[in-house]
């Protein structure tokens, strides 16, 4: 039964997650984009706001529940 539970959790992933990659930040299950420009991206989620700051930031991937921010990322703050 654990295999089924793990598969269900993987397929129905609903938790807010931030994955930090080399020069990229992948955010999953956010609610809305509060603001974005080349220096700051603000993503609202159920418990607050995630603020990504840096230089030359670009929203490279934008889906209903996932966003990929690339650029010279300096800071990630959860408010």
PDB file of N, CA and C in Angstrom:
ATOM      1  N   UNK A   1       0.811  -1.198   0.000  1.00  0.00           N
ATOM      2  CA  UNK A   1       0.000   0.000   0.000  1.00  0.00           C
ATOM      3  C   UNK A   1       0.859   1.269   0.000  1.00  0.00           C
ATOM      4  N   UNK A   2       2.087   1.185   0.519  1.00  0.00           N
ATOM      5  CA  UNK A   2       2.965   2.344   0.553  1.00  0.00           C
ATOM      6  C   UNK A   2       3.317   2.804  -0.857  1.00  0.00           C
ATOM      7  N   UNK A   3       3.460   1.866  -1.782  1.00  0.00           N
ATOM      8  CA  UNK A   3       3.773   2.221  -3.171  1.00  0.00           C
ATOM      9  C   UNK A   3       2.651   3.055  -3.766  1.00  0.00           C
ATOM     10  N   UNK A   4       1.420   2.678  -3.514  1.00  0.00           N
ATOM     11  CA  UNK A   4       0.264   3.421  -4.031  1.00  0.00           C
ATOM     12  C   UNK A   4       0.213   4.806  -3.402  1.00  0.00           C
ATOM     13  N   UNK A   5       0.485   4.888  -2.113  1.00  0.00           N
ATOM     14  CA  UNK A   5       0.484   6.181  -1.440  1.00  0.00           C
ATOM     15  C   UNK A   5       1.566   7.100  -2.007  1.00  0.00           C
ATOM     16  N   UNK A   6       2.761   6.565  -2.227  1.00  0.00           N
ATOM     17  CA  UNK A   6       3.845   7.359  -2.798  1.00  0.00           C
ATOM     18  C   UNK A   6       3.527   7.822  -4.211  1.00  0.00           C
ATOM     19  N   UNK A   7       2.950   6.960  -5.010  1.00  0.00           N
ATOM     20  CA  UNK A   7       2.563   7.316  -6.370  1.00  0.00           C
ATOM     21  C   UNK A   7       1.489   8.393  -6.362  1.00  0.00           C
ATOM     22  N   UNK A   8       0.516   8.257  -5.500  1.00  0.00           N
ATOM     23  CA  UNK A   8      -0.554   9.260  -5.396  1.00  0.00           C
ATOM     24  C   UNK A   8       0.013  10.616  -4.985  1.00  0.00           C
ATOM     25  N   UNK A   9       0.921  10.638  -3.998  1.00  0.00           N
ATOM     26  CA  UNK A   9       1.535  11.887  -3.563  1.00  0.00           C
ATOM     27  C   UNK A   9       2.356  12.528  -4.679  1.00  0.00           C
ATOM     28  N   UNK A  10       3.031  11.705  -5.485  1.00  0.00           N
ATOM     29  CA  UNK A  10       3.826  12.225  -6.585  1.00  0.00           C
ATOM     30  C   UNK A  10       2.931  12.827  -7.665  1.00  0.00           C
ATOM     31  N   UNK A  11       1.862  12.126  -8.020  1.00  0.00           N
ATOM     32  CA  UNK A  11       0.974  12.596  -9.087  1.00  0.00           C
ATOM     33  C   UNK A  11       0.132  13.791  -8.667  1.00  0.00           C
ATOM     34  N   UNK A  12      -0.272  13.848  -7.421  1.00  0.00           N
ATOM     35  CA  UNK A  12      -1.155  14.905  -6.934  1.00  0.00           C
ATOM     36  C   UNK A  12      -0.406  15.884  -6.035  1.00  0.00           C
ATOM     37  N   UNK A  13       0.793  16.201  -6.404  1.00  0.00           N
ATOM     38  CA  UNK A  13       1.627  17.100  -5.619  1.00  0.00           C
ATOM     39  C   UNK A  13       0.915  18.443  -5.443  1.00  0.00           C
ATOM     40  N   UNK A  14       0.619  18.814  -4.193  1.00  0.00           N
ATOM     41  CA  UNK A  14      -0.122  20.050  -3.972  1.00  0.00           C
ATOM     42  C   UNK A  14       0.546  20.973  -2.954  1.00  0.00           C
ATOM     43  N   UNK A  15       1.713  20.611  -2.468  1.00  0.00           N
ATOM     44  CA  UNK A  15       2.427  21.465  -1.523  1.00  0.00           C
ATOM     45  C   UNK A  15       3.245  22.509  -2.260  1.00  0.00           C
ATOM     46  N   UNK A  16       3.320  23.708  -1.692  1.00  0.00           N
ATOM     47  CA  UNK A  16       4.165  24.761  -2.227  1.00  0.00           C
ATOM     48  C   UNK A  16       5.615  24.327  -2.082  1.00  0.00           C
ATOM     49  N   UNK A  17       6.373  24.392  -3.174  1.00  0.00           N
ATOM     50  CA  UNK A  17       7.768  23.973  -3.144  1.00  0.00           C
ATOM     51  C   UNK A  17       8.629  24.941  -3.931  1.00  0.00           C
ATOM     52  N   UNK A  18       9.832  25.161  -3.434  1.00  0.00           N
ATOM     53  CA  UNK A  18      10.836  25.943  -4.143  1.00  0.00           C
ATOM     54  C   UNK A  18      12.040  25.043  -4.346  1.00  0.00           C
ATOM     55  N   UNK A  19      12.448  24.907  -5.594  1.00  0.00           N
ATOM     56  CA  UNK A  19      13.639  24.124  -5.916  1.00  0.00           C
ATOM     57  C   UNK A  19      14.691  25.085  -6.454  1.00  0.00           C
ATOM     58  N   UNK A  20      15.842  25.085  -5.830  1.00  0.00           N
ATOM     59  CA  UNK A  20      16.922  25.969  -6.227  1.00  0.00           C
ATOM     60  C   UNK A  20      17.892  25.162  -7.087  1.00  0.00           C
ATOM     61  N   UNK A  21      18.064  25.620  -8.316  1.00  0.00           N
ATOM     62  CA  UNK A  21      18.956  24.973  -9.259  1.00  0.00           C
ATOM     63  C   UNK A  21      20.077  25.951  -9.603  1.00  0.00           C
ATOM     64  N   UNK A  22      20.984  25.570 -10.425  1.00  0.00           N
ATOM     65  CA  UNK A  22      22.101  26.433 -10.807  1.00  0.00           C
ATOM     66  C   UNK A  22      21.593  27.595 -11.675  1.00  0.00           C
ATOM     67  N   UNK A  23      21.486  28.778 -11.094  1.00  0.00           N
ATOM     68  CA  UNK A  23      21.014  29.949 -11.836  1.00  0.00           C
ATOM     69  C   UNK A  23      19.527  29.960 -12.104  1.00  0.00           C
ATOM     70  N   UNK A  24      18.776  29.082 -11.438  1.00  0.00           N
ATOM     71  CA  UNK A  24      17.335  28.971 -11.665  1.00  0.00           C
ATOM     72  C   UNK A  24      16.621  28.701 -10.347  1.00  0.00           C
ATOM     73  N   UNK A  25      15.377  29.145 -10.282  1.00  0.00           N
ATOM     74  CA  UNK A  25      14.513  28.808  -9.158  1.00  0.00           C
ATOM     75  C   UNK A  25      13.203  28.301  -9.735  1.00  0.00           C
ATOM     76  N   UNK A  26      12.829  27.084  -9.381  1.00  0.00           N
ATOM     77  CA  UNK A  26      11.586  26.489  -9.841  1.00  0.00           C
ATOM     78  C   UNK A  26      10.603  26.505  -8.675  1.00  0.00           C
ATOM     79  N   UNK A  27       9.434  27.116  -8.881  1.00  0.00           N
ATOM     80  CA  UNK A  27       8.417  27.210  -7.831  1.00  0.00           C
ATOM     81  C   UNK A  27       7.174  26.456  -8.302  1.00  0.00           C
ATOM     82  N   UNK A  28       6.682  25.568  -7.448  1.00  0.00           N
ATOM     83  CA  UNK A  28       5.524  24.733  -7.773  1.00  0.00           C
ATOM     84  C   UNK A  28       4.404  25.019  -6.784  1.00  0.00           C
ATOM     85  N   UNK A  29       3.196  25.052  -7.283  1.00  0.00           N
ATOM     86  CA  UNK A  29       1.968  25.224  -6.493  1.00  0.00           C
ATOM     87  C   UNK A  29       1.871  26.593  -5.825  1.00  0.00           C
ATOM     88  N   UNK A  30       2.169  27.628  -6.567  1.00  0.00           N
ATOM     89  CA  UNK A  30       1.947  28.990  -6.097  1.00  0.00           C
ATOM     90  C   UNK A  30       0.522  29.401  -6.473  1.00  0.00           C
ATOM     91  N   UNK A  31       0.003  30.455  -5.851  1.00  0.00           N
ATOM     92  CA  UNK A  31      -1.361  30.907  -6.140  1.00  0.00           C
ATOM     93  C   UNK A  31      -1.405  31.970  -7.234  1.00  0.00           C
ATOM     94  N   UNK A  32      -0.526  32.966  -7.128  1.00  0.00           N
ATOM     95  CA  UNK A  32      -0.526  34.043  -8.123  1.00  0.00           C
ATOM     96  C   UNK A  32       0.815  34.766  -8.116  1.00  0.00           C
ATOM     97  N   UNK A  33       1.047  35.532  -9.178  1.00  0.00           N
ATOM     98  CA  UNK A  33       2.251  36.355  -9.263  1.00  0.00           C
ATOM     99  C   UNK A  33       1.849  37.760  -8.833  1.00  0.00           C
ATOM    100  N   UNK A  34       2.457  38.236  -7.752  1.00  0.00           N
ATOM    101  CA  UNK A  34       2.142  39.561  -7.242  1.00  0.00           C
ATOM    102  C   UNK A  34       2.856  40.657  -8.005  1.00  0.00           C
ATOM    103  N   UNK A  35       4.087  40.377  -8.448  1.00  0.00           N
ATOM    104  CA  UNK A  35       4.900  41.382  -9.137  1.00  0.00           C
ATOM    105  C   UNK A  35       6.062  40.673  -9.812  1.00  0.00           C
ATOM    106  N   UNK A  36       6.460  41.159 -10.972  1.00  0.00           N
ATOM    107  CA  UNK A  36       7.731  40.699 -11.518  1.00  0.00           C
ATOM    108  C   UNK A  36       8.324  41.737 -12.455  1.00  0.00           C
ATOM    109  N   UNK A  37       9.629  41.888 -12.319  1.00  0.00           N
ATOM    110  CA  UNK A  37      10.424  42.700 -13.225  1.00  0.00           C
ATOM    111  C   UNK A  37      11.817  42.077 -13.268  1.00  0.00           C
ATOM    112  N   UNK A  38      12.785  42.756 -13.842  1.00  0.00           N
ATOM    113  CA  UNK A  38      14.113  42.160 -14.006  1.00  0.00           C
ATOM    114  C   UNK A  38      14.904  42.064 -12.708  1.00  0.00           C
ATOM    115  N   UNK A  39      14.376  42.652 -11.608  1.00  0.00           N
ATOM    116  CA  UNK A  39      15.086  42.611 -10.325  1.00  0.00           C
ATOM    117  C   UNK A  39      14.338  41.888  -9.214  1.00  0.00           C
ATOM    118  N   UNK A  40      13.030  41.674  -9.386  1.00  0.00           N
ATOM    119  CA  UNK A  40      12.238  41.067  -8.309  1.00  0.00           C
ATOM    120  C   UNK A  40      11.051  40.294  -8.873  1.00  0.00           C
ATOM    121  N   UNK A  41      10.811  39.115  -8.304  1.00  0.00           N
ATOM    122  CA  UNK A  41       9.627  38.314  -8.625  1.00  0.00           C
ATOM    123  C   UNK A  41       8.966  37.974  -7.302  1.00  0.00           C
ATOM    124  N   UNK A  42       7.675  38.316  -7.166  1.00  0.00           N
ATOM    125  CA  UNK A  42       6.921  38.022  -5.952  1.00  0.00           C
ATOM    126  C   UNK A  42       5.817  37.023  -6.290  1.00  0.00           C
ATOM    127  N   UNK A  43       5.823  35.890  -5.611  1.00  0.00           N
ATOM    128  CA  UNK A  43       4.846  34.833  -5.832  1.00  0.00           C
ATOM    129  C   UNK A  43       4.044  34.622  -4.559  1.00  0.00           C
ATOM    130  N   UNK A  44       2.738  34.727  -4.667  1.00  0.00           N
ATOM    131  CA  UNK A  44       1.874  34.493  -3.505  1.00  0.00           C
ATOM    132  C   UNK A  44       1.524  33.017  -3.438  1.00  0.00           C
ATOM    133  N   UNK A  45       1.530  32.508  -2.217  1.00  0.00           N
ATOM    134  CA  UNK A  45       1.124  31.125  -1.975  1.00  0.00           C
ATOM    135  C   UNK A  45       0.255  31.096  -0.737  1.00  0.00           C
ATOM    136  N   UNK A  46      -0.245  29.952  -0.393  1.00  0.00           N
ATOM    137  CA  UNK A  46      -1.241  29.809   0.671  1.00  0.00           C
ATOM    138  C   UNK A  46      -0.832  30.452   1.995  1.00  0.00           C
ATOM    139  N   UNK A  47       0.428  30.370   2.363  1.00  0.00           N
ATOM    140  CA  UNK A  47       0.867  30.853   3.681  1.00  0.00           C
ATOM    141  C   UNK A  47       1.611  32.184   3.649  1.00  0.00           C
ATOM    142  N   UNK A  48       1.737  32.822   2.484  1.00  0.00           N
ATOM    143  CA  UNK A  48       2.455  34.085   2.421  1.00  0.00           C
ATOM    144  C   UNK A  48       2.922  34.428   1.028  1.00  0.00           C
ATOM    145  N   UNK A  49       4.123  34.999   0.970  1.00  0.00           N
ATOM    146  CA  UNK A  49       4.699  35.448  -0.294  1.00  0.00           C
ATOM    147  C   UNK A  49       6.159  35.017  -0.363  1.00  0.00           C
ATOM    148  N   UNK A  50       6.568  34.557  -1.532  1.00  0.00           N
ATOM    149  CA  UNK A  50       7.966  34.259  -1.802  1.00  0.00           C
ATOM    150  C   UNK A  50       8.501  35.372  -2.682  1.00  0.00           C
ATOM    151  N   UNK A  51       9.621  35.968  -2.278  1.00  0.00           N
ATOM    152  CA  UNK A  51      10.226  37.065  -3.017  1.00  0.00           C
ATOM    153  C   UNK A  51      11.600  36.625  -3.501  1.00  0.00           C
ATOM    154  N   UNK A  52      11.784  36.636  -4.808  1.00  0.00           N
ATOM    155  CA  UNK A  52      13.056  36.284  -5.429  1.00  0.00           C
ATOM    156  C   UNK A  52      13.658  37.576  -5.962  1.00  0.00           C
ATOM    157  N   UNK A  53      14.871  37.907  -5.526  1.00  0.00           N
ATOM    158  CA  UNK A  53      15.521  39.128  -5.986  1.00  0.00           C
ATOM    159  C   UNK A  53      16.849  38.789  -6.649  1.00  0.00           C
ATOM    160  N   UNK A  54      17.261  39.665  -7.548  1.00  0.00           N
ATOM    161  CA  UNK A  54      18.514  39.484  -8.258  1.00  0.00           C
ATOM    162  C   UNK A  54      18.604  40.442  -9.429  1.00  0.00           C
ATOM    163  N   UNK A  55      19.392  40.068 -10.421  1.00  0.00           N
ATOM    164  CA  UNK A  55      19.569  40.884 -11.614  1.00  0.00           C
ATOM    165  C   UNK A  55      19.241  40.060 -12.854  1.00  0.00           C
ATOM    166  N   UNK A  56      18.687  40.717 -13.849  1.00  0.00           N
ATOM    167  CA  UNK A  56      18.367  40.078 -15.132  1.00  0.00           C
ATOM    168  C   UNK A  56      17.441  38.873 -14.948  1.00  0.00           C
ATOM    169  N   UNK A  57      16.466  38.989 -14.048  1.00  0.00           N
ATOM    170  CA  UNK A  57      15.535  37.888 -13.805  1.00  0.00           C
ATOM    171  C   UNK A  57      14.548  37.786 -14.951  1.00  0.00           C
ATOM    172  N   UNK A  58      14.278  36.548 -15.352  1.00  0.00           N
ATOM    173  CA  UNK A  58      13.354  36.267 -16.445  1.00  0.00           C
ATOM    174  C   UNK A  58      12.463  35.112 -16.015  1.00  0.00           C
ATOM    175  N   UNK A  59      11.164  35.251 -16.258  1.00  0.00           N
ATOM    176  CA  UNK A  59      10.243  34.137 -16.036  1.00  0.00           C
ATOM    177  C   UNK A  59      10.336  33.269 -17.290  1.00  0.00           C
ATOM    178  N   UNK A  60      11.091  32.176 -17.209  1.00  0.00           N
ATOM    179  CA  UNK A  60      11.378  31.326 -18.364  1.00  0.00           C
ATOM    180  C   UNK A  60      10.266  30.329 -18.653  1.00  0.00           C
ATOM    181  N   UNK A  61       9.555  29.939 -17.620  1.00  0.00           N
ATOM    182  CA  UNK A  61       8.487  28.956 -17.760  1.00  0.00           C
ATOM    183  C   UNK A  61       7.331  29.417 -16.893  1.00  0.00           C
ATOM    184  N   UNK A  62       6.146  29.485 -17.474  1.00  0.00           N
ATOM    185  CA  UNK A  62       4.979  29.951 -16.731  1.00  0.00           C
ATOM    186  C   UNK A  62       3.812  29.029 -17.019  1.00  0.00           C
ATOM    187  N   UNK A  63       3.425  28.259 -16.008  1.00  0.00           N
ATOM    188  CA  UNK A  63       2.277  27.367 -16.099  1.00  0.00           C
ATOM    189  C   UNK A  63       1.276  27.764 -15.020  1.00  0.00           C
ATOM    190  N   UNK A  64       0.148  27.144 -15.007  1.00  0.00           N
ATOM    191  CA  UNK A  64      -0.892  27.461 -14.033  1.00  0.00           C
ATOM    192  C   UNK A  64      -0.398  27.329 -12.599  1.00  0.00           C
ATOM    193  N   UNK A  65       0.415  26.310 -12.334  1.00  0.00           N
ATOM    194  CA  UNK A  65       0.865  26.059 -10.963  1.00  0.00           C
ATOM    195  C   UNK A  65       2.383  25.965 -10.829  1.00  0.00           C
ATOM    196  N   UNK A  66       3.118  26.372 -11.864  1.00  0.00           N
ATOM    197  CA  UNK A  66       4.571  26.262 -11.821  1.00  0.00           C
ATOM    198  C   UNK A  66       5.209  27.437 -12.558  1.00  0.00           C
ATOM    199  N   UNK A  67       6.305  27.948 -12.004  1.00  0.00           N
ATOM    200  CA  UNK A  67       7.042  29.033 -12.637  1.00  0.00           C
ATOM    201  C   UNK A  67       8.538  28.758 -12.474  1.00  0.00           C
ATOM    202  N   UNK A  68       9.301  29.080 -13.528  1.00  0.00           N
ATOM    203  CA  UNK A  68      10.750  28.935 -13.500  1.00  0.00           C
ATOM    204  C   UNK A  68      11.352  30.314 -13.712  1.00  0.00           C
ATOM    205  N   UNK A  69      12.141  30.762 -12.741  1.00  0.00           N
ATOM    206  CA  UNK A  69      12.791  32.068 -12.802  1.00  0.00           C
ATOM    207  C   UNK A  69      14.280  31.824 -13.024  1.00  0.00           C
ATOM    208  N   UNK A  70      14.838  32.476 -14.053  1.00  0.00           N
ATOM    209  CA  UNK A  70      16.264  32.360 -14.331  1.00  0.00           C
ATOM    210  C   UNK A  70      16.918  33.727 -14.228  1.00  0.00           C
ATOM    211  N   UNK A  71      18.221  33.750 -14.085  1.00  0.00           N
ATOM    212  CA  UNK A  71      18.966  34.996 -13.996  1.00  0.00           C
ATOM    213  C   UNK A  71      20.002  34.927 -12.884  1.00  0.00           C
ATOM    214  N   UNK A  72      20.503  36.084 -12.519  1.00  0.00           N
ATOM    215  CA  UNK A  72      21.495  36.195 -11.445  1.00  0.00           C
ATOM    216  C   UNK A  72      20.742  36.347 -10.122  1.00  0.00           C
ATOM    217  N   UNK A  73      20.400  35.235  -9.509  1.00  0.00           N
ATOM    218  CA  UNK A  73      19.560  35.202  -8.312  1.00  0.00           C
ATOM    219  C   UNK A  73      20.414  35.488  -7.085  1.00  0.00           C
ATOM    220  N   UNK A  74      20.014  36.508  -6.329  1.00  0.00           N
ATOM    221  CA  UNK A  74      20.771  36.932  -5.141  1.00  0.00           C
ATOM    222  C   UNK A  74      20.134  36.466  -3.840  1.00  0.00           C
ATOM    223  N   UNK A  75      18.779  36.445  -3.789  1.00  0.00           N
ATOM    224  CA  UNK A  75      18.111  36.177  -2.526  1.00  0.00           C
ATOM    225  C   UNK A  75      16.728  35.571  -2.779  1.00  0.00           C
ATOM    226  N   UNK A  76      16.313  34.677  -1.876  1.00  0.00           N
ATOM    227  CA  UNK A  76      14.951  34.135  -1.857  1.00  0.00           C
ATOM    228  C   UNK A  76      14.449  34.316  -0.439  1.00  0.00           C
ATOM    229  N   UNK A  77      13.323  35.011  -0.315  1.00  0.00           N
ATOM    230  CA  UNK A  77      12.780  35.316   1.006  1.00  0.00           C
ATOM    231  C   UNK A  77      11.331  34.857   1.081  1.00  0.00           C
ATOM    232  N   UNK A  78      10.983  34.200   2.183  1.00  0.00           N
ATOM    233  CA  UNK A  78       9.595  33.817   2.444  1.00  0.00           C
ATOM    234  C   UNK A  78       9.035  34.744   3.486  1.00  0.00           C
ATOM    235  N   UNK A  79       7.941  35.383   3.156  1.00  0.00           N
ATOM    236  CA  UNK A  79       7.306  36.342   4.082  1.00  0.00           C
ATOM    237  C   UNK A  79       5.987  35.806   4.566  1.00  0.00           C
TER     238      UNK A  79
END
